[in-house]
C-alpha cells in the first residue's frame, strides 16, 4: 500500500475544510482562509460566496473608474473594526464603474461563446450574449461575474490606499455575489460590504518606570551548573602566560614542581630491552628547550625524570610519546632522552589583582577580567541552553504587547501543525486508512482550539522581535550572512544533499532573518532580569509535559472520532 506523504496530508486537510466550509464561520456569513494570493485563488467559502480575487492585476490597462465623471466620482469607503484583526469594509461603487464592469464581463464572455450570425470579434448586443449564456446562469450569472470583477479591483486598493491596511487571505462578501446580483443594475450605484482579516498592529503596553517595555524582561529557566573546574583551569592558564621567572643563584638547587628550566635534549628510540636504539629525528630532540616542571604538560616521563635534577647535570629519562601524536612513527612509542639541564628558575604565578588585569589589557580590572573569562568559559554550555533562555524571554515579551492575531493566520498555522501531527502518527505506525479518517473539519477545529493559545503567543513574539530589530537598529553584518550561507552549502556538500537549483536569494533571506532574531534575543538577554536555576541533572520540565499532554489529548480526541 502506498504511503501518504506530508504534502498529501496537508492537501487532504485543506480539501476537507474546503468542502465543509468549517474552518472559519461567522454569524454574518462565512469568512475565508486562503492558500495564497495568486490570481485565481479560491476562497474556502466558495460554495456560498464566489472567490474574490484581490491580487494585483497588472494586465489591467485602465481602471474601471476611468470613465467616471467628476459628478459621478466614487464615495470614500467606510471601515468597521472587528475582533481578531478583522474589518468590515463597505465600498460605494459609482454608476460608471458598474456599467464598465458589466460591459467588460460581456466582452470577455463574447470571446468564449459561438453565436450564429456573428463573426469572431464582432460587436454583439448585450441581450444576445445574455441569451447565449443562459445555460451558464444567464444574466444573473453575468452580473455575479461583474460584481466579482468590481470587488477584485476595488477591495485591495480601498484597504491599502484609503485605510493603510494590508489584507490577509481572501475577503468574503457579507452578502453573497449571487444575492447582490438580483438587485444589481449596470449603470446604477452599488454598495458592497466585505469582511477581511488585515495585518495587525503592535500596541506596546505601558509599563511604569520603563520607556521601552521590552527592556528588563523577567522570567526563569533551567540549565546545568556553571563549570567551575573549567573556569579555574582557564584562569590558571591565563596566569601561566604571565608567570615571572627568577633564576636560581645556587646552581645546586634541585628542580621542584612549578620550577622552569632550559635543557638540551638528545633522543633515541627504546629497544625491546629498554636500551637506547636508533637516534630520534632532529624534530624530536632539541637545544635550549624550556621545560616547566608540572604534571600533564609533556610526554609521559619527562617531567618526572627531571624533577630533583640540578644545573649542569645530564639525566637519562625514559618517556612514552602520546598515542595521539601526529607523527605515527613515534605515536605511543617508548624513547630514551639524555637531558642536560642548562639553567633553572623559580616560577611565580601572579595574583589576580587590578594591576595584573591592567597588564592583560589596559583599562581592565580584576572584577571585569573574571567576568569576561566567566562568560567565555560558559559560552559553550550557555549555547546549549539558548533555546530555553529564549523561550523564557519570549514568554515575558508576549506579555508586553497587545496584538489581535487574525484568524486566517491562526488557521494556516494550525493546519500546518495538524498535518505534521498526522505525519507523526503515520511514522509511529498508524495505518494510512485510519489517518485519512481523522482528516476532517471537526477534528481540525478541535485541534485548532487546543493549539490556538500557543499559535497566538508565537505570532506575538515573532512580531515583537521584528519590531525590536527595527526600533533598536539591529542589523546583521553582511559578512556574517555570507559566512553562514557558505557554511550551510559546505555542510550540504559534505552530507551529499547539495541542490544546484537552490534559491540563493531565498536562502539569504532565511539566514539573515535567523541571525537577526538571534541578535535580538541576545540584546534582550543582556538587559533582562532572568532567574537561572542550575540543576545537576535534567529536571522535570513542567511546561514541556503540559504541551505533550495537550498534543496527546488532541490525538486521542481525533482517534475517538474515527471509532
Protein backbone atom coordinates (compact mmCIF):
# COMPACT_ATOMS: atom_id res chain seq x y z
CA UNK A 1 0.00 0.00 0.00
CA UNK A 2 1.34 3.43 -0.95
CA UNK A 3 2.31 5.69 1.93
CA UNK A 4 0.81 9.14 2.45
CA UNK A 5 3.35 11.94 2.14
CA UNK A 6 3.24 15.01 4.39
CA UNK A 7 2.33 17.15 1.38
CA UNK A 8 -0.59 14.81 0.62
CA UNK A 9 -1.73 15.02 4.24
CA UNK A 10 -1.75 18.81 4.06
CA UNK A 11 -3.65 18.71 0.77
CA UNK A 12 -6.25 16.31 2.16
CA UNK A 13 -6.67 18.53 5.19
CA UNK A 14 -7.14 21.64 3.05
CA UNK A 15 -9.66 19.93 0.73
CA UNK A 16 -11.54 18.56 3.73
CA UNK A 17 -12.01 22.08 5.02
CA UNK A 18 -12.91 23.38 1.56
CA UNK A 19 -15.82 21.01 1.16
CA UNK A 20 -17.21 21.65 4.64
CA UNK A 21 -16.83 25.45 4.98
CA UNK A 22 -15.77 24.57 8.52
CA UNK A 23 -12.54 26.37 9.13
CA UNK A 24 -13.87 29.88 9.68
CA UNK A 25 -17.52 30.76 10.14
CA UNK A 26 -19.22 33.98 11.24
CA UNK A 27 -22.83 34.79 12.01
CA UNK A 28 -22.94 37.21 9.10
CA UNK A 29 -21.61 34.69 6.63
CA UNK A 30 -18.52 32.59 6.10
CA UNK A 31 -15.19 34.28 6.37
CA UNK A 32 -12.37 32.94 4.33
CA UNK A 33 -8.98 31.47 4.59
CA UNK A 34 -6.56 31.27 1.69
CA UNK A 35 -3.80 29.14 0.34
CA UNK A 36 -2.20 32.05 -1.49
CA UNK A 37 -2.72 35.44 -3.07
CA UNK A 38 -2.24 34.43 -6.66
CA UNK A 39 -4.65 35.33 -9.46
CA UNK A 40 -7.40 32.77 -9.47
CA UNK A 41 -7.02 31.75 -5.83
CA UNK A 42 -10.15 30.09 -4.46
CA UNK A 43 -11.89 31.12 -1.25
CA UNK A 44 -12.74 28.38 1.24
CA UNK A 45 -16.20 29.87 1.34
CA UNK A 46 -16.63 29.42 -2.41
CA UNK A 47 -19.82 27.35 -2.14
CA UNK A 48 -21.81 30.19 -0.66
CA UNK A 49 -19.84 33.15 -1.99
CA UNK A 50 -17.66 33.24 -5.13
CA UNK A 51 -13.99 33.84 -4.73
CA UNK A 52 -12.90 37.44 -4.52
CA UNK A 53 -9.56 37.87 -6.19
CA UNK A 54 -7.55 40.70 -4.67
CA UNK A 55 -4.20 40.03 -6.27
CA UNK A 56 -2.69 42.89 -8.25
CA UNK A 57 -3.83 42.72 -11.83
CA UNK A 58 -1.01 44.18 -13.82
CA UNK A 59 -2.74 43.36 -17.10
CA UNK A 60 -5.45 45.97 -16.42
CA UNK A 61 -4.51 48.85 -18.67
CA UNK A 62 -7.15 51.16 -17.23
CA UNK A 63 -9.28 51.30 -14.10
CA UNK A 64 -12.99 50.74 -14.17
CA UNK A 65 -13.24 54.24 -12.75
CA UNK A 66 -11.55 55.83 -15.76
CA UNK A 67 -14.92 56.61 -17.34
CA UNK A 68 -16.35 58.24 -14.21
CA UNK A 69 -17.14 61.92 -14.42
CA UNK A 70 -16.45 64.43 -11.70
CA UNK A 71 -20.10 64.37 -10.64
CA UNK A 72 -20.04 60.55 -10.57
CA UNK A 73 -16.87 60.13 -8.53
CA UNK A 74 -16.79 57.32 -6.00
CA UNK A 75 -17.50 58.00 -2.35
CA UNK A 76 -14.88 57.05 0.23
CA UNK A 77 -15.26 53.56 1.62
CA UNK A 78 -16.19 53.08 5.26
CA UNK A 79 -14.46 50.74 7.69
CA UNK A 80 -15.64 48.94 10.80
CA UNK A 81 -13.13 47.26 13.11
CA UNK A 82 -13.93 43.72 14.26
CA UNK A 83 -12.23 41.43 16.81
CA UNK A 84 -9.10 39.41 15.94
CA UNK A 85 -7.78 41.99 13.47
CA UNK A 86 -10.73 41.65 11.10
CA UNK A 87 -12.52 44.53 9.42
CA UNK A 88 -15.79 45.07 7.64
CA UNK A 89 -15.33 47.28 4.58
CA UNK A 90 -18.20 48.96 2.78
CA UNK A 91 -17.46 50.19 -0.73
CA UNK A 92 -19.65 52.64 -2.64
CA UNK A 93 -19.28 51.87 -6.34
CA UNK A 94 -20.32 54.66 -8.77
CA UNK A 95 -22.67 54.05 -11.67
CA UNK A 96 -19.98 54.45 -14.34
CA UNK A 97 -17.91 51.69 -12.74
CA UNK A 98 -20.83 49.24 -12.56
CA UNK A 99 -21.57 49.89 -16.21
CA UNK A 100 -17.93 49.46 -17.20
CA UNK A 101 -17.61 46.24 -15.20
CA UNK A 102 -20.68 44.70 -16.83
CA UNK A 103 -19.52 45.76 -20.31
CA UNK A 104 -16.14 44.20 -19.64
CA UNK A 105 -17.79 40.97 -18.46
CA UNK A 106 -19.87 40.81 -21.65
CA UNK A 107 -16.78 41.43 -23.77
CA UNK A 108 -14.86 38.63 -22.02
CA UNK A 109 -17.77 36.19 -22.36
CA UNK A 110 -18.20 37.07 -26.03
CA UNK A 111 -14.70 35.75 -26.68
CA UNK A 112 -15.63 32.32 -25.37
CA UNK A 113 -19.06 31.74 -26.93
CA UNK A 114 -20.00 30.99 -30.51
CA UNK A 115 -23.14 32.81 -31.64
CA UNK A 116 -24.65 32.11 -35.08
CA UNK A 117 -24.76 35.18 -37.30
CA UNK A 118 -21.85 36.94 -35.59
CA UNK A 119 -18.28 36.57 -36.73
CA UNK A 120 -15.47 36.31 -34.17
CA UNK A 121 -14.52 39.73 -32.80
CA UNK A 122 -17.75 41.40 -33.91
CA UNK A 123 -19.68 43.61 -31.51
CA UNK A 124 -22.56 41.59 -30.12
CA UNK A 125 -25.59 43.21 -28.45
CA UNK A 126 -25.76 42.57 -24.68
CA UNK A 127 -29.15 40.82 -24.90
CA UNK A 128 -27.77 38.31 -27.40
CA UNK A 129 -24.82 37.49 -25.13
CA UNK A 130 -27.14 37.17 -22.14
CA UNK A 131 -29.34 34.70 -24.04
CA UNK A 132 -26.30 32.74 -25.22
CA UNK A 133 -25.13 32.46 -21.64
CA UNK A 134 -28.46 31.08 -20.40
CA UNK A 135 -27.08 27.56 -19.89
CA UNK A 136 -24.47 29.04 -17.54
CA UNK A 137 -26.90 31.06 -15.46
CA UNK A 138 -27.86 33.79 -17.88
CA UNK A 139 -27.96 37.44 -16.92
CA UNK A 140 -27.74 36.76 -13.20
CA UNK A 141 -24.51 34.82 -13.64
CA UNK A 142 -23.10 37.63 -15.77
CA UNK A 143 -23.99 40.17 -13.09
CA UNK A 144 -22.32 37.95 -10.49
CA UNK A 145 -19.17 37.92 -12.60
CA UNK A 146 -19.27 41.71 -12.92
CA UNK A 147 -19.65 42.12 -9.15
CA UNK A 148 -16.67 39.84 -8.56
CA UNK A 149 -14.72 41.87 -11.13
CA UNK A 150 -15.53 45.07 -9.27
CA UNK A 151 -14.63 43.63 -5.89
CA UNK A 152 -11.43 42.12 -7.20
CA UNK A 153 -10.25 45.51 -8.42
CA UNK A 154 -11.52 47.73 -5.63
CA UNK A 155 -11.19 45.90 -2.32
CA UNK A 156 -7.40 45.67 -2.18
CA UNK A 157 -6.87 49.29 -3.20
CA UNK A 158 -9.53 50.55 -0.77
CA UNK A 159 -7.90 48.73 2.14
CA UNK A 160 -4.38 49.82 1.25
CA UNK A 161 -4.85 53.28 -0.20
CA UNK A 162 -7.75 54.61 1.87
CA UNK A 163 -7.15 52.84 5.19
CA UNK A 164 -3.46 51.87 5.03
CA UNK A 165 -4.24 48.23 5.82
CA UNK A 166 -2.69 45.08 4.41
CA UNK A 167 -5.27 42.34 3.73
CA UNK A 168 -4.55 38.76 4.74
CA UNK A 169 -6.20 35.93 2.86
CA UNK A 170 -9.33 36.32 0.77
CA UNK A 171 -12.10 38.77 1.72
CA UNK A 172 -15.66 37.41 1.77
CA UNK A 173 -18.79 39.27 0.82
CA UNK A 174 -21.18 39.69 3.73
CA UNK A 175 -23.97 39.33 1.16
CA UNK A 176 -23.12 36.71 -1.47
CA UNK A 177 -22.47 37.95 -5.00
CA UNK A 178 -25.36 35.83 -6.34
CA UNK A 179 -27.73 37.59 -3.96
CA UNK A 180 -26.33 41.04 -4.82
CA UNK A 181 -26.78 40.21 -8.49
CA UNK A 182 -30.56 40.13 -8.05
CA UNK A 183 -30.63 43.89 -7.37
CA UNK A 184 -27.60 44.82 -9.46
CA UNK A 185 -28.35 47.16 -12.36
CA UNK A 186 -25.43 48.13 -14.60
CA UNK A 187 -25.17 51.91 -14.74
CA UNK A 188 -26.51 52.40 -11.23
CA UNK A 189 -24.58 52.77 -8.00
CA UNK A 190 -23.80 49.66 -5.96
CA UNK A 191 -22.81 49.21 -2.33
CA UNK A 192 -21.00 46.08 -1.24
CA UNK A 193 -19.70 45.06 2.19
CA UNK A 194 -16.90 42.59 2.70
CA UNK A 195 -15.25 41.08 5.73
CA UNK A 196 -11.49 40.60 5.71
CA UNK A 197 -8.58 39.86 8.03
CA UNK A 198 -5.86 42.51 7.96
CA UNK A 199 -2.29 42.58 9.15
CA UNK A 200 -2.34 43.53 12.86
CA UNK A 201 -0.61 46.44 14.51
CA UNK A 202 1.64 46.23 17.55
CA UNK A 203 0.50 48.09 20.62
CA UNK A 204 3.09 48.12 23.39
CA UNK A 205 1.74 48.11 26.90
CA UNK A 206 2.71 50.96 29.18
CA UNK A 207 4.97 49.78 32.00
CA UNK A 208 5.57 52.16 34.86
CA UNK A 209 9.17 53.29 35.03
CA UNK A 210 10.04 51.92 31.59
CA UNK A 211 10.29 53.91 28.41
CA UNK A 212 10.59 50.67 26.46
CA UNK A 213 8.51 47.82 27.90
CA UNK A 214 10.69 45.13 26.34
CA UNK A 215 13.74 46.15 28.38
CA UNK A 216 14.25 44.38 31.70
CA UNK A 217 12.16 41.31 30.83
CA UNK A 218 11.74 38.86 33.68
CA UNK A 219 11.49 35.09 33.69
CA UNK A 220 13.30 31.93 34.68
CA UNK A 221 14.79 28.86 33.06
CA UNK A 222 16.84 25.82 33.99
CA UNK A 223 20.33 24.87 32.90
CA UNK A 224 23.23 22.82 34.16
CA UNK A 225 25.59 24.44 36.68
CA UNK A 226 28.46 26.67 35.76
CA UNK A 227 31.62 24.65 35.08
CA UNK A 228 33.82 25.92 37.88
CA UNK A 229 36.62 23.47 37.07
CA UNK A 230 36.86 24.78 33.51
CA UNK A 231 36.87 28.36 34.81
CA UNK A 232 39.65 27.61 37.31
CA UNK A 233 41.69 25.93 34.58
CA UNK A 234 41.20 28.90 32.24
CA UNK A 235 42.22 31.35 34.96
CA UNK A 236 45.27 29.27 35.76
CA UNK A 237 46.24 29.11 32.07
CA UNK A 238 45.97 32.89 31.88
CA UNK A 239 48.27 33.41 34.86
CA UNK A 240 50.67 30.80 33.44
CA UNK A 241 51.17 33.04 30.40
CA UNK A 242 52.21 35.87 32.69
CA UNK A 243 54.39 33.78 35.01
CA UNK A 244 57.53 35.53 36.37
CA UNK A 245 60.88 33.72 36.28
CA UNK A 246 63.61 34.28 38.87
CA UNK A 247 66.88 32.37 38.11
CA UNK A 248 68.29 30.36 41.00
CA UNK A 249 71.63 31.80 42.15
CA UNK A 250 72.56 28.49 43.73
CA UNK A 251 73.12 26.05 40.87
CA UNK A 252 72.83 23.16 43.29
CA UNK A 253 69.17 24.00 43.83
CA UNK A 254 67.11 20.90 42.97
CA UNK A 255 64.26 21.28 40.50
CA UNK A 256 60.82 21.09 42.12
CA UNK A 257 57.24 21.21 40.90
CA UNK A 258 56.45 24.63 39.46
CA UNK A 259 60.04 25.45 38.51
CA UNK A 260 61.25 26.10 34.98
CA UNK A 261 64.48 25.04 33.30
CA UNK A 262 66.32 25.23 29.98
CA UNK A 263 67.67 21.93 28.63
CA UNK A 264 69.36 20.25 25.67
CA UNK A 265 67.67 17.01 24.64
CA UNK A 266 69.07 14.13 22.60
CA UNK A 267 66.63 11.29 21.99
CA UNK A 268 66.74 7.64 20.97
CA UNK A 269 64.15 5.02 20.25
CA UNK A 270 63.95 2.48 23.06
CA UNK A 271 64.69 -1.14 22.21
CA UNK A 272 62.56 -4.01 23.46
CA UNK A 273 65.16 -4.48 26.21
CA UNK A 274 64.78 -0.83 27.28
CA UNK A 275 68.13 0.23 25.88
CA UNK A 276 69.00 3.15 23.56
CA UNK A 277 68.30 2.34 19.94
CA UNK A 278 68.19 4.42 16.76
CA UNK A 279 68.53 8.21 17.22
CA UNK A 280 65.25 10.13 17.04
CA UNK A 281 64.64 12.62 14.24
CA UNK A 282 66.00 16.11 14.91
CA UNK A 283 62.45 17.37 15.32
CA UNK A 284 62.02 15.11 18.35
CA UNK A 285 65.19 16.41 20.03
CA UNK A 286 66.33 19.99 20.58
CA UNK A 287 68.65 22.52 22.23
CA UNK A 288 67.77 25.24 24.72
CA UNK A 289 64.28 23.84 25.25
CA UNK A 290 62.20 25.35 28.09
CA UNK A 291 60.59 22.78 30.34
CA UNK A 292 58.17 23.60 33.17
CA UNK A 293 58.14 21.09 35.98
CA UNK A 294 54.47 20.22 36.31
CA UNK A 295 52.06 17.34 35.54
CA UNK A 296 50.33 16.80 32.22
CA UNK A 297 52.45 19.16 30.16
CA UNK A 298 54.73 16.90 28.14
CA UNK A 299 55.22 13.30 27.11
CA UNK A 300 54.87 10.83 29.91
CA UNK A 301 58.05 10.52 32.00
CA UNK A 302 59.90 13.72 31.02
CA UNK A 303 58.91 15.90 34.00
CA UNK A 304 59.20 13.00 36.41
CA UNK A 305 62.73 12.32 35.15
CA UNK A 306 63.86 15.94 35.55
CA UNK A 307 62.33 16.64 38.95
CA UNK A 308 65.09 16.62 41.55
CA UNK A 309 67.77 17.42 38.95
CA UNK A 310 70.14 20.41 39.06
CA UNK A 311 72.00 22.73 36.71
CA UNK A 312 74.91 21.04 34.86
CA UNK A 313 73.52 17.56 35.39
CA UNK A 314 72.69 15.24 32.49
CA UNK A 315 69.84 12.89 33.25
CA UNK A 316 68.71 9.85 31.29
CA UNK A 317 64.94 9.97 31.06
CA UNK A 318 62.58 7.23 29.83
CA UNK A 319 59.47 8.60 28.10
CA UNK A 320 56.50 7.43 26.06
CA UNK A 321 55.16 9.53 23.20
CA UNK A 322 51.41 10.32 23.27
CA UNK A 323 49.25 7.86 21.33
CA UNK A 324 47.54 10.81 19.57
CA UNK A 325 50.84 12.21 18.23
CA UNK A 326 50.59 13.31 14.60
CA UNK A 327 53.86 11.54 13.78
CA UNK A 328 52.55 7.98 13.60
CA UNK A 329 56.11 6.61 13.58
CA UNK A 330 56.52 7.90 17.14
CA UNK A 331 52.93 7.80 18.45
CA UNK A 332 52.67 5.56 21.50
CA UNK A 333 56.34 4.50 21.24
CA UNK A 334 58.90 4.38 24.08
CA UNK A 335 62.05 6.54 23.86
CA UNK A 336 65.07 7.48 25.93
CA UNK A 337 66.42 11.05 26.24
CA UNK A 338 69.73 12.35 27.52
CA UNK A 339 68.71 15.69 29.02
CA UNK A 340 71.30 18.24 30.09
CA UNK A 341 69.99 20.93 32.46
CA UNK A 342 71.40 24.31 31.40
CA UNK A 343 69.61 26.66 33.83
CA UNK A 344 66.87 26.66 36.46
CA UNK A 345 64.42 29.33 37.62
CA UNK A 346 61.80 29.78 40.26
CA UNK A 347 58.49 30.33 38.53
CA UNK A 348 55.88 32.53 40.24
CA UNK A 349 52.27 32.96 39.06
CA UNK A 350 50.75 36.43 39.51
CA UNK A 351 47.72 37.05 41.72
CA UNK A 352 44.52 38.31 40.12
CA UNK A 353 44.68 41.99 41.00
CA UNK A 354 43.72 45.21 39.24
CA UNK A 355 47.42 45.67 38.42
CA UNK A 356 47.56 42.27 36.75
CA UNK A 357 44.31 42.94 34.84
CA UNK A 358 45.78 46.24 33.60
CA UNK A 359 48.76 44.30 32.29
CA UNK A 360 46.47 41.90 30.43
CA UNK A 361 44.57 44.78 28.83
CA UNK A 362 44.67 48.48 29.60
CA UNK A 363 41.54 49.59 31.43
CA UNK A 364 40.67 46.08 32.62
CA UNK A 365 40.02 45.43 36.33
CA UNK A 366 40.23 42.18 38.24
CA UNK A 367 36.45 42.04 38.53
CA UNK A 368 35.90 42.63 34.81
CA UNK A 369 38.61 40.13 33.93
CA UNK A 370 36.88 37.41 35.96
CA UNK A 371 33.51 38.37 34.49
CA UNK A 372 34.75 38.24 30.89
CA UNK A 373 36.55 34.97 31.50
CA UNK A 374 33.45 33.52 33.13
CA UNK A 375 31.33 34.43 30.10
CA UNK A 376 33.91 32.99 27.72
CA UNK A 377 34.13 29.73 29.68
CA UNK A 378 30.35 29.45 29.94
CA UNK A 379 29.59 30.33 26.33
CA UNK A 380 29.65 26.73 25.14
CA UNK A 381 27.27 25.50 27.85
CA UNK A 382 25.13 28.63 27.51
CA UNK A 383 24.73 27.92 23.78
CA UNK A 384 23.25 24.54 24.64
CA UNK A 385 20.54 26.26 26.72
CA UNK A 386 19.95 29.17 24.34
CA UNK A 387 16.57 27.72 23.35
CA UNK A 388 15.14 27.62 26.88
CA UNK A 389 16.59 31.06 27.59
CA UNK A 390 14.89 32.49 24.51
CA UNK A 391 11.66 30.70 25.42
CA UNK A 392 11.68 32.45 28.81
CA UNK A 393 12.38 35.78 27.13
CA UNK A 394 9.64 35.20 24.55
CA UNK A 395 7.06 34.31 27.17
CA UNK A 396 7.79 37.55 29.01
CA UNK A 397 7.95 39.53 25.76
CA UNK A 398 4.48 38.36 24.73
CA UNK A 399 3.07 39.95 27.89
CA UNK A 400 4.41 43.40 26.96
CA UNK A 401 2.21 43.89 23.91
CA UNK A 402 -1.37 43.76 22.70
CA UNK A 403 -1.90 42.25 19.26
CA UNK A 404 -5.12 40.97 17.72
CA UNK A 405 -4.00 37.92 15.76
CA UNK A 406 -6.10 37.34 12.62
CA UNK A 407 -7.99 34.06 12.44
CA UNK A 408 -6.57 33.47 8.97
CA UNK A 409 -3.04 33.29 10.38
CA UNK A 410 -4.14 31.05 13.24
CA UNK A 411 -5.93 28.72 10.80
CA UNK A 412 -3.00 28.46 8.41
CA UNK A 413 -0.53 27.75 11.20
CA UNK A 414 -2.85 25.24 12.86
CA UNK A 415 -3.28 23.48 9.52
CA UNK A 416 0.48 23.06 9.18
CA UNK A 417 0.81 21.76 12.73
CA UNK A 418 -2.14 19.40 12.25
CA UNK A 419 -0.60 17.95 9.08
CA UNK A 420 2.68 17.42 10.95
CA UNK A 421 0.80 15.64 13.75
CA UNK A 422 -0.79 13.32 11.18
CA UNK A 423 2.66 12.62 9.73
CA UNK A 424 4.00 11.80 13.20
CA UNK A 425 1.14 9.35 13.72
CA UNK A 426 1.95 7.67 10.44
CA UNK A 427 5.64 7.49 11.32
CA UNK A 428 4.65 5.89 14.64
CA UNK A 429 2.88 3.07 12.82
CA UNK A 430 -0.73 4.22 12.38
CA UNK A 431 -2.33 2.87 9.20
CA UNK A 432 -2.86 5.28 6.34
CA UNK A 433 -6.58 4.48 6.15
CA UNK A 434 -7.03 5.39 9.81
CA UNK A 435 -5.17 8.66 9.25
CA UNK A 436 -7.42 9.53 6.31
CA UNK A 437 -10.50 9.06 8.52
CA UNK A 438 -9.07 11.54 11.00
CA UNK A 439 -8.57 14.28 8.42
CA UNK A 440 -11.90 16.09 8.65
CA UNK A 441 -13.06 19.60 9.62
CA UNK A 442 -14.45 18.58 13.01
CA UNK A 443 -11.15 17.10 14.18
CA UNK A 444 -9.26 20.06 12.80
CA UNK A 445 -11.43 22.58 14.68
CA UNK A 446 -10.83 20.71 17.94
CA UNK A 447 -7.09 20.73 17.30
CA UNK A 448 -7.15 24.40 16.32
CA UNK A 449 -8.93 25.34 19.55
CA UNK A 450 -6.32 23.46 21.60
CA UNK A 451 -3.31 24.87 19.76
CA UNK A 452 -4.60 28.43 19.28
CA UNK A 453 -3.12 29.91 22.50
CA UNK A 454 0.38 28.72 21.56
CA UNK A 455 -0.01 29.91 17.97
CA UNK A 456 -1.16 33.36 19.11
CA UNK A 457 1.73 33.64 21.56
CA UNK A 458 4.28 32.58 18.95
CA UNK A 459 2.92 35.11 16.47
CA UNK A 460 3.01 37.93 19.01
CA UNK A 461 6.61 37.08 19.86
CA UNK A 462 7.58 36.99 16.20
CA UNK A 463 6.03 40.41 15.56
CA UNK A 464 7.67 41.86 18.67
CA UNK A 465 11.11 40.56 17.73
CA UNK A 466 10.87 42.06 14.25
CA UNK A 467 9.70 45.38 15.68
CA UNK A 468 12.50 45.48 18.25
CA UNK A 469 15.05 44.87 15.50
CA UNK A 470 13.63 47.92 13.70
CA UNK A 471 13.44 50.14 16.78
CA UNK A 472 16.93 49.24 18.01
CA UNK A 473 18.53 49.31 14.53
CA UNK A 474 19.69 45.71 14.89
CA UNK A 475 21.17 44.59 11.58
CA UNK A 476 23.15 41.51 10.65
CA UNK A 477 26.56 42.32 9.12
CA UNK A 478 26.69 41.17 5.51
CA UNK A 479 29.84 39.12 6.09
CA UNK A 480 28.06 37.04 8.77
CA UNK A 481 25.25 36.23 6.35
CA UNK A 482 27.74 35.18 3.68
CA UNK A 483 29.73 33.07 6.14
CA UNK A 484 26.61 31.27 7.32
CA UNK A 485 25.39 30.64 3.77
CA UNK A 486 28.77 29.22 2.80
CA UNK A 487 28.78 27.05 5.92
CA UNK A 488 25.35 25.65 5.02
CA UNK A 489 26.46 24.94 1.46
CA UNK A 490 29.64 23.24 2.65
CA UNK A 491 27.66 21.08 5.08
CA UNK A 492 25.16 20.16 2.35
CA UNK A 493 28.01 19.18 0.04
CA UNK A 494 29.58 17.09 2.82
CA UNK A 495 26.26 15.36 3.53
CA UNK A 496 25.59 14.80 -0.16
CA UNK A 497 22.42 16.92 -0.08
CA UNK A 498 23.61 19.87 -2.16
CA UNK A 499 20.97 21.26 -4.53
CA UNK A 500 22.14 23.03 -7.68
CA UNK A 501 18.68 24.59 -8.05
CA UNK A 502 18.79 26.14 -4.59
CA UNK A 503 17.34 29.66 -4.48
CA UNK A 504 20.26 31.71 -3.13
CA UNK A 505 18.12 34.78 -2.50
CA UNK A 506 15.56 32.80 -0.54
CA UNK A 507 18.34 31.18 1.47
CA UNK A 508 19.90 34.59 2.15
CA UNK A 509 16.60 35.95 3.48
CA UNK A 510 16.13 32.95 5.77
CA UNK A 511 19.69 33.12 7.07
CA UNK A 512 19.51 36.87 7.64
CA UNK A 513 16.17 36.51 9.44
CA UNK A 514 17.50 33.74 11.69
CA UNK A 515 20.65 35.66 12.58
CA UNK A 516 18.67 38.85 13.21
CA UNK A 517 16.32 37.07 15.61
CA UNK A 518 19.31 35.60 17.43
CA UNK A 519 20.81 39.07 17.78
CA UNK A 520 17.52 40.46 19.13
CA UNK A 521 17.29 37.71 21.75
CA UNK A 522 20.90 38.31 22.77
CA UNK A 523 20.13 42.03 23.07
CA UNK A 524 17.07 41.31 25.23
CA UNK A 525 19.05 38.85 27.38
CA UNK A 526 21.73 41.46 28.07
CA UNK A 527 19.18 43.84 29.59
CA UNK A 528 16.82 41.23 31.07
CA UNK A 529 16.40 40.15 34.66
CA UNK A 530 16.25 36.40 34.18
CA UNK A 531 16.41 33.95 37.05
CA UNK A 532 18.56 30.95 36.21
CA UNK A 533 18.03 27.70 38.10
CA UNK A 534 21.09 25.48 37.93
CA UNK A 535 20.34 21.76 38.02
CA UNK A 536 22.85 18.90 38.06
CA UNK A 537 20.61 16.57 36.11
CA UNK A 538 17.79 17.07 33.65
CA UNK A 539 14.89 18.18 35.81
CA UNK A 540 11.17 17.84 35.30
CA UNK A 541 10.08 20.23 32.56
CA UNK A 542 6.53 21.11 33.57
CA UNK A 543 5.85 23.32 30.54
CA UNK A 544 7.02 20.61 28.16
CA UNK A 545 4.90 17.98 29.89
CA UNK A 546 1.84 20.22 29.65
CA UNK A 547 2.43 20.70 25.94
CA UNK A 548 2.89 16.96 25.39
CA UNK A 549 -0.31 16.32 27.35
CA UNK A 550 -2.24 18.77 25.16
CA UNK A 551 -0.91 17.14 21.98
CA UNK A 552 -1.80 13.73 23.36
CA UNK A 553 -5.32 14.89 24.17
CA UNK A 554 -5.74 16.21 20.64
CA UNK A 555 -4.65 12.86 19.21
CA UNK A 556 -7.00 10.90 21.48
CA UNK A 557 -9.98 13.08 20.58
CA UNK A 558 -9.13 12.77 16.89
CA UNK A 559 -8.86 8.99 17.19
CA UNK A 560 -12.20 8.78 19.02
CA UNK A 561 -13.88 10.47 16.07
CA UNK A 562 -12.81 7.60 13.81
CA UNK A 563 -14.14 4.84 16.07
